[in-house]
Amino acid sequence: MKKIKSWLLRIYHVKALKYIVVTVVGFIVIGFVDENSVWHHIVNRQRISELQDEIDRYTQQNKNDQAQIKMLDSDPKAIKKIARERYFMKADDEDIFVLSDDPKNGKSILNDETVE
């Protein structure tokens, strides 16, 4: 305890040193420790940028979906096209072959459930 007291007294007697110490501690608090620090502002700006990109992506997806809804309301052939492409529905006189891009991982074709 006596060493700490003597160390603080030395700092107190050197006038420029105490101002430097207070300034350095202030910069550390402002830069990193405080809730409104520079570091938090940088992190928050990055997060805002990511969220803005996400908003833009969802806005574009919403526009595409709205256009597709309008197309489905106006064109009955579009309903058939969606049913065939997404849900693999077919007419009575058609056969559908689904081709997969999945890599083969050593399974034999006999164990594949899609083969009939």
Protein backbone atom coordinates (compact mmCIF):
# COMPACT_ATOMS: atom_id res chain seq x y z
CA MET A 1 0.00 0.00 0.00
CA LYS A 2 2.88 2.32 0.81
CA LYS A 3 4.42 1.70 -2.61
CA ILE A 4 1.21 2.63 -4.35
CA LYS A 5 0.93 5.80 -2.29
CA SER A 6 4.50 6.81 -3.07
CA TRP A 7 3.96 6.08 -6.77
CA LEU A 8 0.81 8.23 -6.82
CA LEU A 9 2.67 11.05 -5.06
CA ARG A 10 5.37 10.98 -7.74
CA ILE A 11 2.71 11.23 -10.42
CA TYR A 12 1.08 14.09 -8.53
CA HIS A 13 4.30 16.08 -8.36
CA VAL A 14 5.03 15.76 -12.08
CA LYS A 15 2.33 18.08 -13.42
CA ALA A 16 2.52 17.10 -17.09
CA LEU A 17 2.44 13.38 -16.28
CA LYS A 18 -0.88 13.52 -14.45
CA TYR A 19 -2.49 15.32 -17.38
CA ILE A 20 -1.11 12.74 -19.76
CA VAL A 21 -2.40 9.87 -17.59
CA VAL A 22 -5.87 11.44 -17.36
CA THR A 23 -5.91 12.04 -21.12
CA VAL A 24 -4.86 8.45 -21.91
CA VAL A 25 -7.46 7.02 -19.51
CA GLY A 26 -10.09 9.30 -21.07
CA PHE A 27 -9.23 8.13 -24.59
CA ILE A 28 -9.42 4.50 -23.48
CA VAL A 29 -12.84 5.05 -21.89
CA ILE A 30 -14.17 6.98 -24.88
CA GLY A 31 -12.63 4.65 -27.45
CA PHE A 32 -13.34 1.19 -26.08
CA VAL A 33 -15.05 0.92 -22.68
CA ASP A 34 -18.06 3.21 -22.87
CA GLU A 35 -21.39 2.08 -24.31
CA ASN A 36 -21.20 4.91 -26.87
CA SER A 37 -17.56 4.28 -27.71
CA VAL A 38 -15.97 4.58 -31.12
CA TRP A 39 -15.62 0.80 -31.26
CA HIS A 40 -19.36 0.32 -30.71
CA HIS A 41 -20.12 2.90 -33.40
CA ILE A 42 -17.98 0.99 -35.90
CA VAL A 43 -19.67 -2.31 -35.02
CA ASN A 44 -23.12 -0.72 -35.21
CA ARG A 45 -22.41 0.83 -38.63
CA GLN A 46 -21.31 -2.57 -39.93
CA ARG A 47 -24.49 -4.16 -38.54
CA ILE A 48 -26.61 -1.40 -40.13
CA SER A 49 -24.94 -2.10 -43.48
CA GLU A 50 -25.68 -5.82 -43.19
CA LEU A 51 -29.31 -5.14 -42.25
CA GLN A 52 -29.69 -2.70 -45.15
CA ASP A 53 -28.44 -5.39 -47.55
CA GLU A 54 -30.96 -7.81 -46.05
CA ILE A 55 -33.76 -5.23 -46.46
CA ASP A 56 -32.79 -4.73 -50.11
CA ARG A 57 -32.78 -8.49 -50.72
CA TYR A 58 -36.21 -8.95 -49.13
CA THR A 59 -37.61 -5.95 -51.00
CA GLN A 60 -36.47 -7.43 -54.31
CA GLN A 61 -37.90 -10.81 -53.34
CA ASN A 62 -41.20 -9.14 -52.44
CA LYS A 63 -41.34 -7.39 -55.82
CA ASN A 64 -40.70 -10.69 -57.62
CA ASP A 65 -43.39 -12.43 -55.58
CA GLN A 66 -45.91 -9.64 -56.22
CA ALA A 67 -45.22 -9.85 -59.96
CA GLN A 68 -45.66 -13.62 -59.84
CA ILE A 69 -48.97 -13.26 -57.95
CA LYS A 70 -50.25 -10.83 -60.58
CA MET A 71 -49.16 -13.24 -63.31
CA LEU A 72 -50.94 -16.15 -61.58
CA ASP A 73 -54.13 -14.11 -61.23
CA SER A 74 -54.18 -13.15 -64.90
CA ASP A 75 -52.79 -16.22 -66.72
CA PRO A 76 -54.13 -19.76 -66.09
CA LYS A 77 -51.17 -21.26 -67.98
CA ALA A 78 -48.86 -19.80 -65.36
CA ILE A 79 -50.54 -21.92 -62.67
CA LYS A 80 -49.82 -25.05 -64.70
CA LYS A 81 -46.22 -23.97 -65.20
CA ILE A 82 -45.67 -23.40 -61.46
CA ALA A 83 -47.36 -26.71 -60.60
CA ARG A 84 -45.13 -28.60 -63.04
CA GLU A 85 -41.84 -26.88 -62.12
CA ARG A 86 -42.14 -26.64 -58.35
CA TYR A 87 -44.44 -29.46 -57.33
CA PHE A 88 -43.68 -31.97 -60.11
CA MET A 89 -47.35 -32.33 -61.04
CA LYS A 90 -48.17 -33.81 -64.41
CA ALA A 91 -50.97 -34.40 -66.82
CA ASP A 92 -52.41 -37.91 -67.20
CA ASP A 93 -50.54 -38.64 -70.42
CA GLU A 94 -47.11 -37.41 -69.27
CA ASP A 95 -44.09 -38.91 -67.54
CA ILE A 96 -41.77 -36.81 -65.40
CA PHE A 97 -38.08 -37.47 -64.98
CA VAL A 98 -36.36 -35.61 -62.15
CA LEU A 99 -32.63 -35.19 -62.66
CA SER A 100 -30.54 -34.49 -59.60
CA ASP A 101 -27.21 -32.70 -59.35
CA ASP A 102 -26.42 -34.33 -55.99
CA PRO A 103 -23.00 -35.99 -55.88
CA LYS A 104 -22.84 -39.75 -55.63
CA ASN A 105 -21.51 -40.79 -52.25
CA GLY A 106 -20.96 -44.48 -52.82
CA LYS A 107 -24.57 -45.65 -52.55
CA SER A 108 -25.67 -48.19 -55.06
CA ILE A 109 -28.60 -47.45 -57.33
CA LEU A 110 -30.55 -50.33 -55.77
CA ASN A 111 -30.72 -48.52 -52.43
CA ASP A 112 -32.09 -45.36 -54.02
CA GLU A 113 -35.76 -44.87 -53.15
CA THR A 114 -36.53 -42.84 -56.26
CA VAL A 115 -35.84 -45.73 -58.63
CA GLU A 116 -38.93 -47.74 -59.43
